[in-house]
Amino acid sequence: MTQETAAATTDAVLDREETISRDELEALQLSRLQHTVAYAYDRVPLYKRKFDEAGVHPTDLRELSDLGKFPFTTKEDLRLEYPFGMFAVPQHEVARIHASSGTTGRATVVGYTKKDLADWAKLVARSLRASGVRPGMKVHNAYGYGLFTGGMGAHAGAEALGCTVIPISGGQTERQITLIQDFKPDAILATPTYLLTIADAMIKQGIDPASTSLKYAVLGAEPWTEEMRHELETTMNLKACDIYGLSEVMGPGVAGEAVETQDGSHIWEDHFRPEIIDAFDPTVVLGDGEPGELVFTSLTKEALPIIRYRTKDLTRLLPGTARPAHRRMGRITGRSDDMIILRGVNLFPSQIEEIALRIPELSPHFQLELTRPEGHRMDQMTVKIERRDAVTAEGAAAAAKALQQQIKIHVGSSCTVDVVEPGSLERSNGKLRRIYDMRPKA
């Protein structure tokens, strides 16, 4: 830990709930959980119907382990109740509405009361503070504004912390660079791949990304690896921490990573009860340390209480460190709905990123193309990845062979590797698309 990072962690005033014991936290969880399941049952018709069909009643929740008796909530439930069927309060109590893009189906709609918005801002502020951001700092917010929860959620949290917010939103990379140089922010909020895009654009302009005023990056909205963290921290001379959230549960700030440990995001368990289930047999609830699908139940939400929401994110729960009572999430290895099954082998884009960034000649910019050539019964995958600027054609060919071999060894599947020119692949302006599925539709 650098002297500067150590100083950033010692002058923070923590919320009381960050410092309580695990026993105190679990007692608080049980009280809030009992209220939430009864509240959802009484106010949301979907939950009354699902609980009744499952043969459970809110009074059956006598201890935390009883949560496993209750049915799951899925994204499809939210879509079926579109637009406002999941709301537990009348319209005049809904202070704000957000929604997903709806690019893969009907949008999921979420709502917030004034208290929900205050709690959300408090938890984002807690997450930013854990990651090194302090009151009075200038914060460059490059998350997208609008119906997406990232931009406005991060904005409100930074303001609640006492920061000066620069609400640039996503895109307009050249302008982002100008404002970073002119306004000299201390911290930046973005997706990891978009921060990489900004760094690359700086280099093309002849600007050293390590020379800016930025000291902290709080990054989320997509899975990223330790290798990507090293790439960004080395390139930009800053500390990069994770922030986790999803709109159905709240938005960013469900969990945040501590800058002094950088060992996974602590889940703010005074507001959310996490579980890990077997992604292939959801009736099996797994213990701490076992990998599976992350499930969340909200404990304090008014407008849209959420019971056992299946996030599709694959991770594991670990003991708390910087915040001992609050368990940590391991790195998200991927989403169960992003999993590629290639010739019987399961793989995720994050696995390719992890392997590729260990090969010095290759950049973090890659795409996965899935095809099934005419006359073939087997799917094929091509990894298109950019070489680093100084790498020769011979070096690129050797790197392609090395990546192909390492994927075969560590993932267990054969693929084709195509090393392409720097700057030739699509750049992120927010969430980056990694998978291009060009297989014939059934």
Protein backbone atom coordinates (compact mmCIF):
# COMPACT_ATOMS: atom_id res chain seq x y z
CA MET A 1 0.00 0.00 0.00
CA THR A 2 1.33 3.41 -0.92
CA GLN A 3 1.55 6.19 1.66
CA GLU A 4 -1.16 8.08 -0.22
CA THR A 5 -3.50 5.05 -0.26
CA ALA A 6 -2.93 4.45 3.44
CA ALA A 7 -3.80 8.08 4.18
CA ALA A 8 -6.97 7.79 2.12
CA THR A 9 -8.17 4.86 4.22
CA THR A 10 -7.44 6.30 7.66
CA ASP A 11 -9.36 9.58 7.38
CA ALA A 12 -12.68 7.95 6.45
CA VAL A 13 -15.64 8.18 8.83
CA LEU A 14 -17.56 4.92 8.47
CA ASP A 15 -21.31 4.37 8.80
CA ARG A 16 -22.22 2.64 12.07
CA GLU A 17 -23.48 -0.38 10.12
CA GLU A 18 -20.00 -0.84 8.62
CA THR A 19 -18.51 -1.37 12.07
CA ILE A 20 -21.04 -3.61 13.85
CA SER A 21 -20.37 -7.29 14.59
CA ARG A 22 -21.57 -10.13 12.41
CA ASP A 23 -24.06 -11.20 15.09
CA GLU A 24 -25.50 -7.66 15.25
CA LEU A 25 -25.68 -7.53 11.47
CA GLU A 26 -27.51 -10.86 11.18
CA ALA A 27 -30.00 -9.81 13.87
CA LEU A 28 -30.67 -6.64 11.86
CA GLN A 29 -31.00 -8.70 8.66
CA LEU A 30 -33.56 -11.04 10.22
CA SER A 31 -35.71 -8.17 11.49
CA ARG A 32 -35.60 -6.38 8.15
CA LEU A 33 -36.10 -9.60 6.18
CA GLN A 34 -39.23 -10.52 8.14
CA HIS A 35 -40.64 -7.06 7.46
CA THR A 36 -39.74 -7.19 3.75
CA VAL A 37 -41.33 -10.56 2.94
CA ALA A 38 -44.55 -9.54 4.73
CA TYR A 39 -44.50 -6.13 3.02
CA ALA A 40 -44.01 -7.73 -0.43
CA TYR A 41 -46.72 -10.34 0.22
CA ASP A 42 -49.24 -7.68 1.27
CA ARG A 43 -48.48 -5.13 -1.43
CA VAL A 44 -47.26 -6.92 -4.60
CA PRO A 45 -49.78 -9.32 -6.20
CA LEU A 46 -46.99 -11.31 -7.90
CA TYR A 47 -45.43 -12.15 -4.53
CA LYS A 48 -48.74 -13.14 -2.93
CA ARG A 49 -49.39 -15.44 -5.88
CA LYS A 50 -45.88 -16.95 -5.88
CA PHE A 51 -45.78 -17.45 -2.11
CA ASP A 52 -49.23 -19.06 -2.11
CA GLU A 53 -48.29 -21.36 -5.00
CA ALA A 54 -45.12 -22.38 -3.15
CA GLY A 55 -47.08 -23.01 0.06
CA VAL A 56 -45.14 -20.50 2.15
CA HIS A 57 -46.25 -17.52 4.21
CA PRO A 58 -44.22 -14.60 5.61
CA THR A 59 -44.76 -16.03 9.12
CA ASP A 60 -42.70 -19.08 8.07
CA LEU A 61 -39.57 -16.91 8.09
CA ARG A 62 -38.34 -17.37 11.66
CA GLU A 63 -34.58 -17.46 11.02
CA LEU A 64 -32.31 -16.41 8.15
CA SER A 65 -32.03 -19.94 6.73
CA ASP A 66 -35.82 -19.98 6.22
CA LEU A 67 -35.35 -17.62 3.28
CA GLY A 68 -34.56 -20.69 1.17
CA LYS A 69 -38.21 -21.79 1.47
CA PHE A 70 -39.37 -18.80 -0.58
CA PRO A 71 -39.59 -18.73 -4.41
CA PHE A 72 -37.13 -16.89 -6.63
CA THR A 73 -37.79 -13.71 -8.59
CA THR A 74 -36.45 -13.56 -12.15
CA LYS A 75 -36.03 -10.93 -14.83
CA GLU A 76 -38.94 -12.61 -16.63
CA ASP A 77 -41.20 -11.88 -13.63
CA LEU A 78 -40.36 -8.18 -13.95
CA ARG A 79 -41.03 -8.28 -17.68
CA LEU A 80 -44.40 -10.00 -17.21
CA GLU A 81 -45.40 -7.31 -14.69
CA TYR A 82 -44.37 -4.48 -17.05
CA PRO A 83 -44.57 -1.62 -16.48
CA PHE A 84 -45.54 -1.05 -12.83
CA GLY A 85 -46.92 -4.36 -11.55
CA MET A 86 -43.96 -4.92 -9.20
CA PHE A 87 -44.39 -1.59 -7.41
CA ALA A 88 -45.42 -1.84 -3.76
CA VAL A 89 -46.45 1.80 -3.36
CA PRO A 90 -49.01 4.00 -5.16
CA GLN A 91 -47.80 6.06 -8.09
CA HIS A 92 -47.70 9.35 -6.16
CA GLU A 93 -45.07 7.86 -3.82
CA VAL A 94 -42.74 6.87 -6.67
CA ALA A 95 -40.11 9.59 -6.91
CA ARG A 96 -38.17 8.17 -9.86
CA ILE A 97 -38.38 5.42 -12.48
CA HIS A 98 -35.48 3.68 -14.21
CA ALA A 99 -35.57 0.90 -16.79
CA SER A 100 -33.32 -1.46 -18.69
CA SER A 101 -32.66 -0.92 -22.39
CA GLY A 102 -34.99 -3.72 -23.43
CA THR A 103 -32.59 -4.75 -26.20
CA THR A 104 -33.01 -8.46 -25.35
CA GLY A 105 -36.74 -8.31 -24.64
CA ARG A 106 -39.31 -6.16 -22.88
CA ALA A 107 -37.62 -3.64 -20.55
CA THR A 108 -37.51 -4.23 -16.81
CA VAL A 109 -38.84 -1.23 -14.90
CA VAL A 110 -37.76 -0.24 -11.39
CA GLY A 111 -39.04 2.49 -9.11
CA TYR A 112 -37.80 4.39 -6.05
CA THR A 113 -39.46 6.32 -3.24
CA LYS A 114 -37.69 9.35 -1.77
CA LYS A 115 -36.37 7.10 1.01
CA ASP A 116 -35.15 4.55 -1.57
CA LEU A 117 -33.23 7.31 -3.37
CA ALA A 118 -31.68 8.50 -0.10
CA ASP A 119 -30.64 4.94 0.83
CA TRP A 120 -29.23 4.39 -2.67
CA ALA A 121 -27.17 7.59 -2.51
CA LYS A 122 -25.89 6.60 0.95
CA LEU A 123 -24.74 3.18 -0.26
CA VAL A 124 -23.05 4.55 -3.38
CA ALA A 125 -21.31 7.12 -1.16
CA ARG A 126 -20.22 4.28 1.14
CA SER A 127 -18.87 2.35 -1.83
CA LEU A 128 -16.98 5.34 -3.23
CA ARG A 129 -15.52 6.13 0.19
CA ALA A 130 -14.37 2.51 0.58
CA SER A 131 -12.62 2.83 -2.80
CA GLY A 132 -10.62 5.89 -1.75
CA VAL A 133 -12.85 8.77 -2.86
CA ARG A 134 -13.16 11.53 -0.25
CA PRO A 135 -15.38 14.60 0.34
CA GLY A 136 -14.13 17.58 -1.62
CA MET A 137 -12.66 15.53 -4.44
CA LYS A 138 -13.67 16.22 -8.05
CA VAL A 139 -15.33 13.15 -9.56
CA HIS A 140 -15.53 12.64 -13.35
CA ASN A 141 -18.67 10.53 -13.91
CA ALA A 142 -18.46 8.70 -17.24
CA TYR A 143 -21.34 6.31 -16.57
CA GLY A 144 -24.29 6.80 -18.91
CA TYR A 145 -27.13 9.01 -17.70
CA GLY A 146 -30.80 8.40 -18.46
CA LEU A 147 -32.94 5.34 -17.75
CA PHE A 148 -29.77 3.30 -17.05
CA THR A 149 -29.19 3.40 -13.28
CA GLY A 150 -25.40 3.84 -13.49
CA GLY A 151 -25.05 7.53 -14.25
CA MET A 152 -27.62 9.04 -11.90
CA GLY A 153 -26.95 6.50 -9.17
CA ALA A 154 -23.21 7.23 -9.16
CA HIS A 155 -23.90 10.97 -9.41
CA ALA A 156 -26.19 11.04 -6.37
CA GLY A 157 -23.75 8.96 -4.33
CA ALA A 158 -20.80 11.21 -5.13
CA GLU A 159 -22.84 14.28 -4.18
CA ALA A 160 -23.96 12.60 -0.94
CA LEU A 161 -20.31 11.95 -0.12
CA GLY A 162 -19.58 15.66 -0.55
CA CYS A 163 -17.74 15.51 -3.88
CA THR A 164 -17.82 17.89 -6.82
CA VAL A 165 -19.41 15.92 -9.67
CA ILE A 166 -18.54 16.37 -13.35
CA PRO A 167 -21.54 14.73 -15.12
CA ILE A 168 -19.97 14.02 -18.53
CA SER A 169 -21.87 10.69 -19.08
CA GLY A 170 -20.59 8.10 -21.57
CA GLY A 171 -19.17 8.63 -25.06
CA GLN A 172 -17.59 11.74 -26.56
CA THR A 173 -14.16 10.37 -25.72
CA GLU A 174 -12.24 13.36 -27.06
CA ARG A 175 -14.26 15.68 -24.84
CA GLN A 176 -13.74 13.36 -21.88
CA ILE A 177 -9.99 13.76 -22.33
CA THR A 178 -10.22 17.55 -22.61
CA LEU A 179 -12.22 17.79 -19.40
CA ILE A 180 -9.89 15.44 -17.54
CA GLN A 181 -6.98 17.66 -18.53
CA ASP A 182 -8.76 20.97 -17.83
CA PHE A 183 -10.86 20.16 -14.74
CA LYS A 184 -8.23 17.87 -13.13
CA PRO A 185 -10.58 15.40 -11.39
CA ASP A 186 -9.29 13.18 -8.58
CA ALA A 187 -11.47 10.18 -9.43
CA ILE A 188 -13.26 8.70 -12.41
CA LEU A 189 -16.36 6.49 -12.52
CA ALA A 190 -16.78 4.33 -15.63
CA THR A 191 -16.91 0.82 -16.99
CA PRO A 192 -13.43 -0.74 -17.06
CA THR A 193 -13.44 -1.15 -20.84
CA TYR A 194 -14.47 2.48 -21.36
CA LEU A 195 -11.66 3.69 -19.12
CA LEU A 196 -9.35 1.59 -21.29
CA THR A 197 -10.82 3.33 -24.35
CA ILE A 198 -10.05 6.73 -22.78
CA ALA A 199 -6.47 5.66 -22.00
CA ASP A 200 -5.93 4.43 -25.57
CA ALA A 201 -7.31 7.68 -27.01
CA MET A 202 -4.95 9.67 -24.79
CA ILE A 203 -1.97 7.73 -26.08
CA LYS A 204 -3.05 8.40 -29.67
CA GLN A 205 -3.15 12.12 -28.86
CA GLY A 206 0.36 11.96 -27.45
CA ILE A 207 -0.86 12.31 -23.85
CA ASP A 208 0.65 10.06 -21.18
CA PRO A 209 -2.38 8.55 -19.32
CA ALA A 210 -0.20 8.25 -16.22
CA SER A 211 0.32 12.02 -16.12
CA THR A 212 -3.29 13.04 -15.39
CA SER A 213 -4.70 14.16 -12.04
CA LEU A 214 -6.69 10.92 -11.63
CA LYS A 215 -5.85 8.94 -8.49
CA TYR A 216 -8.85 6.63 -8.16
CA ALA A 217 -11.09 4.76 -10.59
CA VAL A 218 -14.31 3.13 -9.41
CA LEU A 219 -15.35 0.71 -12.14
CA GLY A 220 -18.37 -1.50 -12.66
CA ALA A 221 -21.31 -2.57 -14.87
CA GLU A 222 -19.33 -5.42 -16.48
CA PRO A 223 -17.12 -8.30 -15.31
CA TRP A 224 -13.38 -7.56 -15.30
CA THR A 225 -10.29 -9.43 -14.21
CA GLU A 226 -7.26 -8.80 -12.02
CA GLU A 227 -5.26 -8.64 -15.25
CA MET A 228 -7.45 -5.76 -16.44
CA ARG A 229 -6.97 -4.02 -13.09
CA HIS A 230 -3.18 -4.30 -13.48
CA GLU A 231 -3.41 -2.97 -17.05
CA LEU A 232 -5.41 0.09 -16.01
CA GLU A 233 -3.45 0.85 -12.85
CA THR A 234 -0.12 0.57 -14.65
CA THR A 235 -1.24 2.59 -17.68
CA MET A 236 -2.99 5.36 -15.74
CA ASN A 237 -1.06 5.44 -12.43
CA LEU A 238 -4.16 5.15 -10.23
CA LYS A 239 -5.93 2.72 -7.91
CA ALA A 240 -8.82 0.87 -9.57
CA CYS A 241 -11.62 -0.65 -7.47
CA ASP A 242 -14.81 -2.49 -8.29
CA ILE A 243 -18.37 -1.36 -7.58
CA TYR A 244 -21.28 -3.76 -8.03
CA GLY A 245 -24.98 -3.37 -8.55
CA LEU A 246 -27.85 -4.08 -10.88
CA SER A 247 -31.00 -2.10 -11.46
CA GLU A 248 -33.42 -4.83 -10.33
CA VAL A 249 -31.76 -4.89 -6.89
CA MET A 250 -31.02 -1.13 -6.64
CA GLY A 251 -28.35 0.02 -9.08
CA PRO A 252 -24.65 0.62 -8.43
CA GLY A 253 -23.65 0.50 -4.76
CA VAL A 254 -25.01 -2.90 -3.71
CA ALA A 255 -21.36 -3.73 -2.98
CA GLY A 256 -18.06 -1.86 -3.10
CA GLU A 257 -14.37 -2.72 -2.97
CA ALA A 258 -11.99 -1.32 -0.35
CA VAL A 259 -8.90 0.40 -1.75
CA GLU A 260 -6.67 -0.82 1.09
CA THR A 261 -7.30 -4.50 0.32
CA GLN A 262 -8.61 -4.67 -3.29
CA ASP A 263 -9.82 -8.19 -2.61
CA GLY A 264 -13.42 -8.13 -3.82
CA SER A 265 -16.48 -6.00 -3.15
CA HIS A 266 -18.06 -6.02 0.31
CA ILE A 267 -21.83 -6.49 0.05
CA TRP A 268 -23.69 -3.97 2.18
CA GLU A 269 -25.59 -6.61 4.10
CA ASP A 270 -27.53 -4.16 6.23
CA HIS A 271 -29.57 -3.53 3.06
CA PHE A 272 -29.26 -6.80 1.08
CA ARG A 273 -29.20 -10.49 1.99
CA PRO A 274 -27.05 -12.47 -0.50
CA GLU A 275 -27.17 -16.19 -1.27
CA ILE A 276 -25.27 -18.44 -3.67
CA ILE A 277 -27.21 -21.17 -5.45
CA ASP A 278 -26.22 -23.90 -7.86
CA ALA A 279 -26.79 -22.29 -11.28
CA PHE A 280 -27.92 -25.62 -12.73
CA ASP A 281 -29.98 -26.80 -9.74
CA PRO A 282 -31.38 -23.68 -8.05
CA THR A 283 -32.91 -25.73 -5.22
CA VAL A 284 -29.37 -26.16 -3.85
CA VAL A 285 -28.16 -23.26 -1.68
CA LEU A 286 -24.38 -23.33 -1.48
CA GLY A 287 -22.14 -22.39 1.42
CA ASP A 288 -19.68 -19.52 1.63
CA GLY A 289 -16.66 -20.11 -0.59
CA GLU A 290 -18.55 -22.27 -3.10
CA PRO A 291 -18.97 -20.86 -6.62
CA GLY A 292 -22.44 -20.45 -8.04
CA GLU A 293 -25.11 -17.92 -9.00
CA LEU A 294 -25.62 -14.83 -6.85
CA VAL A 295 -29.11 -14.22 -5.45
CA PHE A 296 -30.24 -11.06 -3.62
CA THR A 297 -33.13 -10.15 -1.33
CA SER A 298 -33.61 -6.46 -0.53
CA LEU A 299 -34.08 -5.54 3.13
CA THR A 300 -35.05 -1.86 3.04
CA LYS A 301 -36.58 -1.05 -0.36
CA GLU A 302 -40.06 0.51 -0.41
CA ALA A 303 -41.10 1.00 -4.05
CA LEU A 304 -39.82 -2.31 -5.38
CA PRO A 305 -38.97 -4.94 -2.75
CA ILE A 306 -37.16 -7.86 -4.36
CA ILE A 307 -37.23 -11.39 -2.96
CA ARG A 308 -34.50 -13.90 -3.92
CA TYR A 309 -33.68 -12.25 -7.25
CA ARG A 310 -31.58 -14.46 -9.52
CA THR A 311 -28.87 -12.15 -10.85
CA LYS A 312 -27.28 -14.70 -13.26
CA ASP A 313 -23.89 -13.41 -12.03
CA LEU A 314 -21.47 -16.21 -11.14
CA THR A 315 -19.29 -15.67 -8.08
CA ARG A 316 -18.83 -16.85 -4.48
CA LEU A 317 -19.23 -15.34 -1.02
CA LEU A 318 -16.12 -14.80 1.11
CA PRO A 319 -15.53 -13.54 4.67
CA GLY A 320 -15.28 -9.79 5.12
CA THR A 321 -11.85 -8.18 5.46
CA ALA A 322 -11.81 -4.36 5.41
CA ARG A 323 -15.43 -4.48 6.63
CA PRO A 324 -15.37 -7.72 8.69
CA ALA A 325 -19.12 -8.14 9.26
CA HIS A 326 -20.01 -7.75 5.56
CA ARG A 327 -19.18 -10.66 3.29
CA ARG A 328 -17.29 -10.08 0.06
CA MET A 329 -18.07 -11.17 -3.48
CA GLY A 330 -15.34 -12.95 -5.35
CA ARG A 331 -14.61 -11.71 -8.85
CA ILE A 332 -17.61 -12.30 -11.13
CA THR A 333 -16.41 -14.95 -13.57
CA GLY A 334 -19.27 -14.23 -15.95
CA ARG A 335 -23.02 -14.47 -16.29
CA SER A 336 -24.78 -17.79 -16.69
CA ASP A 337 -26.60 -16.35 -19.72
CA ASP A 338 -23.26 -15.21 -21.22
CA MET A 339 -21.73 -18.65 -20.91
CA ILE A 340 -20.50 -20.08 -24.20
CA ILE A 341 -20.80 -23.85 -24.64
CA LEU A 342 -18.22 -24.78 -27.25
CA ARG A 343 -18.02 -28.46 -28.12
CA GLY A 344 -19.24 -29.38 -24.67
CA VAL A 345 -16.89 -27.00 -22.82
CA ASN A 346 -18.24 -24.07 -20.79
CA LEU A 347 -16.30 -20.81 -21.10
CA PHE A 348 -16.72 -17.09 -20.38
CA PRO A 349 -15.20 -13.98 -22.00
CA SER A 350 -13.46 -13.14 -18.71
CA GLN A 351 -11.42 -16.35 -19.02
CA ILE A 352 -10.13 -15.23 -22.42
CA GLU A 353 -9.28 -11.77 -21.03
CA GLU A 354 -7.38 -13.30 -18.13
CA ILE A 355 -5.27 -15.49 -20.42
CA ALA A 356 -4.71 -12.88 -23.15
CA LEU A 357 -3.42 -10.21 -20.78
CA ARG A 358 -0.67 -12.55 -19.64
CA ILE A 359 0.77 -12.44 -23.17
CA PRO A 360 2.70 -9.14 -23.47
CA GLU A 361 2.22 -8.77 -27.23
CA LEU A 362 -1.59 -8.76 -26.95
CA SER A 363 -3.86 -5.87 -25.92
CA PRO A 364 -7.05 -6.08 -23.81
CA HIS A 365 -9.21 -5.38 -26.90
CA PHE A 366 -10.83 -8.59 -28.15
CA GLN A 367 -14.05 -10.07 -29.52
CA LEU A 368 -15.34 -13.63 -29.62
CA GLU A 369 -17.03 -14.73 -32.86
CA LEU A 370 -19.14 -17.89 -32.81
CA THR A 371 -19.89 -19.56 -36.14
CA ARG A 372 -21.11 -22.88 -37.50
CA PRO A 373 -19.78 -23.20 -41.06
CA GLU A 374 -22.11 -24.72 -43.63
CA GLY A 375 -21.83 -28.49 -43.62
CA HIS A 376 -20.32 -28.58 -40.10
CA ARG A 377 -22.14 -29.88 -37.05
CA MET A 378 -19.70 -28.33 -34.58
CA ASP A 379 -19.54 -24.69 -33.50
CA GLN A 380 -16.31 -22.78 -33.99
CA MET A 381 -14.94 -19.81 -32.07
CA THR A 382 -12.56 -17.16 -33.39
CA VAL A 383 -10.82 -14.84 -30.94
CA LYS A 384 -10.15 -11.52 -32.66
CA ILE A 385 -7.64 -9.58 -30.58
CA GLU A 386 -5.52 -6.50 -31.22
CA ARG A 387 -1.74 -6.58 -30.98
CA ARG A 388 0.18 -3.94 -29.07
CA ASP A 389 1.49 -1.04 -31.15
CA ALA A 390 5.15 -2.05 -31.22
CA VAL A 391 4.58 -5.73 -32.02
CA THR A 392 5.85 -6.99 -35.39
CA ALA A 393 4.02 -9.39 -37.69
CA GLU A 394 6.28 -12.21 -36.47
CA GLY A 395 5.56 -11.30 -32.85
CA ALA A 396 1.83 -11.22 -33.53
CA ALA A 397 1.93 -14.67 -35.13
CA ALA A 398 3.81 -16.08 -32.14
CA ALA A 399 1.36 -14.44 -29.75
CA ALA A 400 -1.60 -15.91 -31.65
CA LYS A 401 -0.12 -19.37 -31.35
CA ALA A 402 0.59 -18.86 -27.65
CA LEU A 403 -2.98 -17.68 -26.95
CA GLN A 404 -4.44 -20.59 -28.87
CA GLN A 405 -2.34 -23.04 -26.85
CA GLN A 406 -3.14 -21.40 -23.51
CA ILE A 407 -6.89 -21.43 -24.23
CA LYS A 408 -6.65 -25.12 -25.07
CA ILE A 409 -4.73 -25.84 -21.85
CA HIS A 410 -6.73 -23.70 -19.42
CA VAL A 411 -10.22 -23.73 -20.96
CA GLY A 412 -10.08 -27.09 -22.70
CA SER A 413 -11.40 -26.07 -26.11
CA SER A 414 -9.80 -25.41 -29.48
CA CYS A 415 -10.32 -22.09 -31.23
CA THR A 416 -8.90 -19.88 -33.96
CA VAL A 417 -6.97 -16.74 -32.99
CA ASP A 418 -6.84 -13.75 -35.33
CA VAL A 419 -4.45 -11.01 -34.19
CA VAL A 420 -5.59 -7.75 -35.79
CA GLU A 421 -4.25 -4.22 -36.11
CA PRO A 422 -4.37 -1.83 -33.13
CA GLY A 423 -7.55 0.26 -33.10
CA SER A 424 -9.42 -1.98 -35.55
CA LEU A 425 -11.98 -3.44 -33.11
CA GLU A 426 -15.02 -1.64 -31.73
CA ARG A 427 -14.33 0.48 -28.66
CA SER A 428 -16.54 0.71 -25.58
CA ASN A 429 -18.68 3.78 -24.92
CA GLY A 430 -20.29 2.06 -21.93
CA LYS A 431 -20.91 -1.64 -21.60
CA LEU A 432 -18.78 -3.47 -24.15
CA ARG A 433 -20.11 -6.25 -26.34
CA ARG A 434 -17.66 -9.17 -26.34
CA ILE A 435 -19.64 -11.98 -27.99
CA TYR A 436 -20.78 -11.95 -31.62
CA ASP A 437 -22.93 -15.01 -32.22
CA MET A 438 -23.20 -15.57 -35.97
CA ARG A 439 -24.43 -19.16 -35.81
CA PRO A 440 -27.57 -19.98 -37.85
CA LYS A 441 -30.73 -19.53 -35.80
CA ALA A 442 -32.69 -22.71 -35.18
